Each structure stands twice: as C-alpha cells, then as structure tokens.
C-alpha cells in the first residue's frame, strides 16, 4: 500500500485547559467547549495562577504538538468574533493569540476572515460565515491551514516558524466554540 503521505497520520485529542482560560471564558461539555461571558460576572472556579490569560479572552488546549500532522474542527455558535489556531505553550499570558510571534491564528471578525501572526493581518477569501471549520497542523512542514469542512479543502495556509511545543489556541469575544479533536486527517488534505 504505497502512501504519498509523510509518516504516519496522527490524530490529536485534546480538551481545553481550564487553568489557562481567561476569567471571562467558561468551559463546558467536558472541557471541549468554551463560552464567552461578561468579565467578572461569573469568574471560573480556578484561582488566579500564572498560566491563566490575564488581558485577553484566550484559552489553550491541554495537549502539545512537537511533530506530525494533526486535524481538528471547531463548531461556531452565535459568535461573530473569534480566533482559532495554535500557540507556543509558553507564550505571554498578557498577549492575545495572533498579536505576537508566538502564535498563529485565523481570525473571524466583521464577517471577514484574516490570518494573523505578530499582529499582521492578511485577508482570506473564499470562505463565509462558518458553522464549522477545520484546522490542519503540519508541524515539520511548519504549516497551519484553515479548512473548509463542507468541501474538505484548504482555504488558506500560514507558513510558520515553530520554536517548540505548540497547543491549540482559541480567543473568543462572544458566543461559543465547540472543539472536535481525535479526528484523522481527511483524505485529500
């Protein structure tokens, strides 16, 4: 069985890491979903700690990646402004994903998609308001791709420069996101 795929396809399985979640974010559905709430209204049960994001509504996944190809999906519910991607596990907790050179994300705001790295935005065409999107991380090739789940096709790829372990990363300013991990890389990607 000759496969053109490099190495063995892997699947990342993760939950959201509550100890990293900003106080305006509430985790639900076995820590696979995140919901935005008003700051200070319902602080999470976790005490303030050094791993928690302090300034921005960000949460990281609890699994790190240092090799391989990984795919996960995100269902978007009632959210008009969010960021999804990956971040260095030790990025500053005073920064927002996409605002520094330690995170690589796709941003959805004002009905438009952008790729973001070090606060540089590049518009993404060909994908509208999402109900569900996919992310494909190829660590060795240093690529993070946004996937149109309805067509199983790559919409945009960020060429990156990972320096160490990365984790799935999410920022949310309204509504909720539900993560779906443990998925195999779809055929054709």
C-alpha atoms as a PDB file:
ATOM      1  CA  UNK A   1       0.000   0.000   0.000  1.00  0.00           C
ATOM      2  CA  UNK A   2       2.019   2.975  -1.202  1.00  0.00           C
ATOM      3  CA  UNK A   3       1.002   6.174   0.522  1.00  0.00           C
ATOM      4  CA  UNK A   4       2.303   9.571  -0.511  1.00  0.00           C
ATOM      5  CA  UNK A   5       1.686  10.951   2.952  1.00  0.00           C
ATOM      6  CA  UNK A   6       4.795  11.688   5.013  1.00  0.00           C
ATOM      7  CA  UNK A   7       4.953   9.498   8.068  1.00  0.00           C
ATOM      8  CA  UNK A   8       2.002   8.002   9.859  1.00  0.00           C
ATOM      9  CA  UNK A   9      -1.053  10.232  10.142  1.00  0.00           C
ATOM     10  CA  UNK A  10      -1.668  11.124  13.754  1.00  0.00           C
ATOM     11  CA  UNK A  11      -4.731  12.455  15.474  1.00  0.00           C
ATOM     12  CA  UNK A  12      -4.542  14.990  18.245  1.00  0.00           C
ATOM     13  CA  UNK A  13      -7.027  14.579  21.041  1.00  0.00           C
ATOM     14  CA  UNK A  14      -7.371  17.488  23.438  1.00  0.00           C
ATOM     15  CA  UNK A  15      -9.609  19.267  25.881  1.00  0.00           C
ATOM     16  CA  UNK A  16      -9.474  22.942  26.759  1.00  0.00           C
ATOM     17  CA  UNK A  17      -7.129  23.699  29.666  1.00  0.00           C
ATOM     18  CA  UNK A  18      -9.191  25.499  32.308  1.00  0.00           C
ATOM     19  CA  UNK A  19      -6.135  26.793  34.170  1.00  0.00           C
ATOM     20  CA  UNK A  20      -5.198  28.837  31.056  1.00  0.00           C
ATOM     21  CA  UNK A  21      -8.718  30.228  30.454  1.00  0.00           C
ATOM     22  CA  UNK A  22      -9.306  33.958  30.900  1.00  0.00           C
ATOM     23  CA  UNK A  23     -11.862  34.691  33.642  1.00  0.00           C
ATOM     24  CA  UNK A  24     -14.499  35.763  31.069  1.00  0.00           C
ATOM     25  CA  UNK A  25     -14.467  32.275  29.499  1.00  0.00           C
ATOM     26  CA  UNK A  26     -16.454  29.320  30.822  1.00  0.00           C
ATOM     27  CA  UNK A  27     -15.680  25.781  29.705  1.00  0.00           C
ATOM     28  CA  UNK A  28     -18.469  23.257  29.175  1.00  0.00           C
ATOM     29  CA  UNK A  29     -19.275  19.869  27.612  1.00  0.00           C
ATOM     30  CA  UNK A  30     -16.387  18.073  29.280  1.00  0.00           C
ATOM     31  CA  UNK A  31     -13.991  20.966  28.598  1.00  0.00           C
ATOM     32  CA  UNK A  32     -14.418  20.673  24.810  1.00  0.00           C
ATOM     33  CA  UNK A  33     -16.476  23.868  24.515  1.00  0.00           C
ATOM     34  CA  UNK A  34     -15.840  27.456  25.540  1.00  0.00           C
ATOM     35  CA  UNK A  35     -18.420  30.186  26.103  1.00  0.00           C
ATOM     36  CA  UNK A  36     -17.849  33.919  26.469  1.00  0.00           C
ATOM     37  CA  UNK A  37     -19.404  35.712  29.461  1.00  0.00           C
ATOM     38  CA  UNK A  38     -19.166  39.218  30.843  1.00  0.00           C
ATOM     39  CA  UNK A  39     -15.919  39.904  32.679  1.00  0.00           C
ATOM     40  CA  UNK A  40     -16.288  39.447  36.417  1.00  0.00           C
ATOM     41  CA  UNK A  41     -19.869  38.199  36.191  1.00  0.00           C
ATOM     42  CA  UNK A  42     -19.052  34.551  36.784  1.00  0.00           C
ATOM     43  CA  UNK A  43     -15.343  34.047  37.484  1.00  0.00           C
ATOM     44  CA  UNK A  44     -14.301  30.470  36.859  1.00  0.00           C
ATOM     45  CA  UNK A  45     -13.686  28.193  39.811  1.00  0.00           C
ATOM     46  CA  UNK A  46      -9.945  28.154  39.196  1.00  0.00           C
ATOM     47  CA  UNK A  47      -7.870  30.508  41.329  1.00  0.00           C
ATOM     48  CA  UNK A  48      -5.719  33.125  39.645  1.00  0.00           C
ATOM     49  CA  UNK A  49      -2.498  31.498  38.500  1.00  0.00           C
ATOM     50  CA  UNK A  50       0.472  32.203  36.261  1.00  0.00           C
ATOM     51  CA  UNK A  51      -0.869  30.027  33.406  1.00  0.00           C
ATOM     52  CA  UNK A  52      -4.136  31.986  33.095  1.00  0.00           C
ATOM     53  CA  UNK A  53      -4.508  34.560  30.311  1.00  0.00           C
ATOM     54  CA  UNK A  54      -4.949  37.902  32.062  1.00  0.00           C
ATOM     55  CA  UNK A  55      -5.700  40.551  29.416  1.00  0.00           C
ATOM     56  CA  UNK A  56      -7.478  38.690  26.601  1.00  0.00           C
ATOM     57  CA  UNK A  57     -10.243  36.078  26.393  1.00  0.00           C
ATOM     58  CA  UNK A  58      -7.919  33.224  25.395  1.00  0.00           C
ATOM     59  CA  UNK A  59      -7.759  29.519  26.280  1.00  0.00           C
ATOM     60  CA  UNK A  60      -5.279  26.843  25.173  1.00  0.00           C
ATOM     61  CA  UNK A  61      -5.752  23.135  24.563  1.00  0.00           C
ATOM     62  CA  UNK A  62      -4.240  20.715  27.084  1.00  0.00           C
ATOM     63  CA  UNK A  63      -2.191  18.745  24.526  1.00  0.00           C
ATOM     64  CA  UNK A  64       1.067  19.881  22.948  1.00  0.00           C
ATOM     65  CA  UNK A  65       2.376  19.053  19.494  1.00  0.00           C
ATOM     66  CA  UNK A  66       6.046  18.687  18.565  1.00  0.00           C
ATOM     67  CA  UNK A  67       5.729  16.600  15.383  1.00  0.00           C
ATOM     68  CA  UNK A  68       3.313  15.120  12.859  1.00  0.00           C
ATOM     69  CA  UNK A  69       0.169  16.158  11.008  1.00  0.00           C
ATOM     70  CA  UNK A  70      -2.943  16.831  13.059  1.00  0.00           C
ATOM     71  CA  UNK A  71      -6.507  17.851  12.254  1.00  0.00           C
ATOM     72  CA  UNK A  72      -9.355  19.159  14.416  1.00  0.00           C
ATOM     73  CA  UNK A  73     -12.607  21.001  13.831  1.00  0.00           C
ATOM     74  CA  UNK A  74     -14.410  23.845  15.571  1.00  0.00           C
ATOM     75  CA  UNK A  75     -18.188  24.395  15.581  1.00  0.00           C
ATOM     76  CA  UNK A  76     -19.067  28.086  15.867  1.00  0.00           C
ATOM     77  CA  UNK A  77     -22.254  29.034  17.731  1.00  0.00           C
ATOM     78  CA  UNK A  78     -23.518  32.618  17.849  1.00  0.00           C
ATOM     79  CA  UNK A  79     -20.012  34.052  17.572  1.00  0.00           C
ATOM     80  CA  UNK A  80     -19.137  36.986  15.343  1.00  0.00           C
ATOM     81  CA  UNK A  81     -15.586  37.474  16.637  1.00  0.00           C
ATOM     82  CA  UNK A  82     -13.047  34.769  17.450  1.00  0.00           C
ATOM     83  CA  UNK A  83      -9.549  33.466  16.686  1.00  0.00           C
ATOM     84  CA  UNK A  84      -8.514  29.835  16.248  1.00  0.00           C
ATOM     85  CA  UNK A  85      -5.077  28.357  15.697  1.00  0.00           C
ATOM     86  CA  UNK A  86      -2.026  27.296  17.682  1.00  0.00           C
ATOM     87  CA  UNK A  87       0.327  28.992  20.127  1.00  0.00           C
ATOM     88  CA  UNK A  88       3.628  28.281  21.809  1.00  0.00           C
ATOM     89  CA  UNK A  89       2.699  26.766  25.152  1.00  0.00           C
ATOM     90  CA  UNK A  90       4.832  29.334  26.964  1.00  0.00           C
ATOM     91  CA  UNK A  91       3.560  32.458  25.153  1.00  0.00           C
ATOM     92  CA  UNK A  92       2.974  35.527  27.315  1.00  0.00           C
ATOM     93  CA  UNK A  93      -0.289  35.374  29.258  1.00  0.00           C
ATOM     94  CA  UNK A  94      -0.614  39.158  28.782  1.00  0.00           C
ATOM     95  CA  UNK A  95      -0.777  38.809  24.994  1.00  0.00           C
ATOM     96  CA  UNK A  96      -3.575  37.711  22.658  1.00  0.00           C
ATOM     97  CA  UNK A  97      -3.162  34.898  20.157  1.00  0.00           C
ATOM     98  CA  UNK A  98      -2.280  36.418  16.790  1.00  0.00           C
ATOM     99  CA  UNK A  99      -0.817  39.557  18.382  1.00  0.00           C
ATOM    100  CA  UNK A 100       2.686  38.171  18.870  1.00  0.00           C
ATOM    101  CA  UNK A 101       5.165  35.973  17.022  1.00  0.00           C
ATOM    102  CA  UNK A 102       4.478  33.037  19.359  1.00  0.00           C
ATOM    103  CA  UNK A 103       1.013  32.241  17.967  1.00  0.00           C
ATOM    104  CA  UNK A 104      -0.526  31.589  14.548  1.00  0.00           C
ATOM    105  CA  UNK A 105      -4.262  32.045  14.096  1.00  0.00           C
ATOM    106  CA  UNK A 106      -7.162  32.574  11.756  1.00  0.00           C
ATOM    107  CA  UNK A 107      -9.369  35.455  12.864  1.00  0.00           C
ATOM    108  CA  UNK A 108     -13.062  35.970  12.122  1.00  0.00           C
ATOM    109  CA  UNK A 109     -14.391  39.496  12.788  1.00  0.00           C
ATOM    110  CA  UNK A 110     -16.752  41.901  10.996  1.00  0.00           C
ATOM    111  CA  UNK A 111     -17.864  38.991   8.747  1.00  0.00           C
ATOM    112  CA  UNK A 112     -14.362  38.577   7.333  1.00  0.00           C
ATOM    113  CA  UNK A 113     -11.550  36.070   7.787  1.00  0.00           C
ATOM    114  CA  UNK A 114      -7.875  37.014   8.255  1.00  0.00           C
ATOM    115  CA  UNK A 115      -4.707  35.115   9.005  1.00  0.00           C
ATOM    116  CA  UNK A 116      -2.738  36.636  11.869  1.00  0.00           C
ATOM    117  CA  UNK A 117       0.853  36.495  13.037  1.00  0.00           C
ATOM    118  CA  UNK A 118       2.625  39.173  15.092  1.00  0.00           C
ATOM    119  CA  UNK A 119      -0.431  41.446  14.700  1.00  0.00           C
ATOM    120  CA  UNK A 120      -0.050  41.364  10.889  1.00  0.00           C
ATOM    121  CA  UNK A 121      -3.394  40.594   9.250  1.00  0.00           C
ATOM    122  CA  UNK A 122      -3.857  39.148   5.768  1.00  0.00           C
ATOM    123  CA  UNK A 123      -7.373  38.806   4.306  1.00  0.00           C
ATOM    124  CA  UNK A 124      -8.693  35.353   3.443  1.00  0.00           C
ATOM    125  CA  UNK A 125     -11.210  34.958   0.617  1.00  0.00           C
ATOM    126  CA  UNK A 126     -13.407  32.034  -0.345  1.00  0.00           C
ATOM    127  CA  UNK A 127     -14.986  31.154   2.998  1.00  0.00           C
ATOM    128  CA  UNK A 128     -18.015  32.789   4.554  1.00  0.00           C
ATOM    129  CA  UNK A 129     -19.656  32.805   7.984  1.00  0.00           C
ATOM    130  CA  UNK A 130     -18.652  29.479   9.480  1.00  0.00           C
ATOM    131  CA  UNK A 131     -20.768  26.873  11.186  1.00  0.00           C
ATOM    132  CA  UNK A 132     -17.810  24.533  11.353  1.00  0.00           C
ATOM    133  CA  UNK A 133     -14.194  24.904  10.190  1.00  0.00           C
ATOM    134  CA  UNK A 134     -11.180  22.639  10.299  1.00  0.00           C
ATOM    135  CA  UNK A 135      -7.546  23.232  11.192  1.00  0.00           C
ATOM    136  CA  UNK A 136      -4.695  21.192   9.752  1.00  0.00           C
ATOM    137  CA  UNK A 137      -1.350  21.458  11.526  1.00  0.00           C
ATOM    138  CA  UNK A 138       1.730  20.054   9.774  1.00  0.00           C
ATOM    139  CA  UNK A 139       4.473  20.579  12.341  1.00  0.00           C
ATOM    140  CA  UNK A 140       7.509  19.505  10.302  1.00  0.00           C
ATOM    141  CA  UNK A 141       6.386  21.435   7.213  1.00  0.00           C
ATOM    142  CA  UNK A 142       5.750  24.456   9.502  1.00  0.00           C
ATOM    143  CA  UNK A 143       2.229  24.986   8.167  1.00  0.00           C
ATOM    144  CA  UNK A 144      -1.152  25.712   9.697  1.00  0.00           C
ATOM    145  CA  UNK A 145      -4.122  25.546   7.315  1.00  0.00           C
ATOM    146  CA  UNK A 146      -7.740  26.675   7.566  1.00  0.00           C
ATOM    147  CA  UNK A 147     -10.022  24.002   6.085  1.00  0.00           C
ATOM    148  CA  UNK A 148     -13.495  24.447   4.576  1.00  0.00           C
ATOM    149  CA  UNK A 149     -15.208  21.428   6.171  1.00  0.00           C
ATOM    150  CA  UNK A 150     -18.090  21.418   3.659  1.00  0.00           C
ATOM    151  CA  UNK A 151     -15.677  20.934   0.728  1.00  0.00           C
ATOM    152  CA  UNK A 152     -12.780  19.316   2.636  1.00  0.00           C
ATOM    153  CA  UNK A 153     -10.412  21.776   1.032  1.00  0.00           C
ATOM    154  CA  UNK A 154      -7.683  24.075   2.320  1.00  0.00           C
ATOM    155  CA  UNK A 155      -8.788  27.718   2.157  1.00  0.00           C
ATOM    156  CA  UNK A 156      -5.575  29.340   3.416  1.00  0.00           C
ATOM    157  CA  UNK A 157      -2.211  28.229   4.793  1.00  0.00           C
ATOM    158  CA  UNK A 158       0.047  30.113   7.189  1.00  0.00           C
ATOM    159  CA  UNK A 159       3.741  29.373   6.771  1.00  0.00           C
ATOM    160  CA  UNK A 160       5.077  29.374  10.299  1.00  0.00           C
ATOM    161  CA  UNK A 161       8.226  29.089  12.349  1.00  0.00           C
ATOM    162  CA  UNK A 162       7.511  26.891  15.359  1.00  0.00           C
ATOM    163  CA  UNK A 163      10.231  27.117  18.015  1.00  0.00           C
ATOM    164  CA  UNK A 164       8.960  24.434  20.355  1.00  0.00           C
ATOM    165  CA  UNK A 165       5.787  22.698  21.528  1.00  0.00           C
ATOM    166  CA  UNK A 166       2.514  24.287  20.385  1.00  0.00           C
ATOM    167  CA  UNK A 167      -1.037  23.796  21.638  1.00  0.00           C
ATOM    168  CA  UNK A 168      -4.418  24.505  20.042  1.00  0.00           C
ATOM    169  CA  UNK A 169      -5.412  28.092  20.875  1.00  0.00           C
ATOM    170  CA  UNK A 170      -8.726  29.934  20.932  1.00  0.00           C
ATOM    171  CA  UNK A 171      -9.820  33.524  21.597  1.00  0.00           C
ATOM    172  CA  UNK A 172     -13.478  34.438  21.873  1.00  0.00           C
ATOM    173  CA  UNK A 173     -15.386  37.711  22.322  1.00  0.00           C
ATOM    174  CA  UNK A 174     -18.978  36.466  22.022  1.00  0.00           C
ATOM    175  CA  UNK A 175     -20.991  33.268  21.632  1.00  0.00           C
ATOM    176  CA  UNK A 176     -19.311  29.900  21.954  1.00  0.00           C
ATOM    177  CA  UNK A 177     -16.956  27.474  20.227  1.00  0.00           C
ATOM    178  CA  UNK A 178     -17.078  23.690  20.426  1.00  0.00           C
ATOM    179  CA  UNK A 179     -13.931  21.709  19.606  1.00  0.00           C
ATOM    180  CA  UNK A 180     -13.843  18.290  17.916  1.00  0.00           C
ATOM    181  CA  UNK A 181     -10.500  16.538  18.303  1.00  0.00           C
ATOM    182  CA  UNK A 182      -9.283  12.968  17.927  1.00  0.00           C
ATOM    183  CA  UNK A 183     -10.057  13.178  14.184  1.00  0.00           C
ATOM    184  CA  UNK A 184      -7.944  11.660  11.440  1.00  0.00           C
ATOM    185  CA  UNK A 185      -6.595  13.937   8.718  1.00  0.00           C
ATOM    186  CA  UNK A 186      -9.249  13.795   5.947  1.00  0.00           C
ATOM    187  CA  UNK A 187      -8.246  12.191   2.655  1.00  0.00           C
ATOM    188  CA  UNK A 188      -7.038  14.735   0.137  1.00  0.00           C
ATOM    189  CA  UNK A 189      -5.544  17.163   2.662  1.00  0.00           C
END
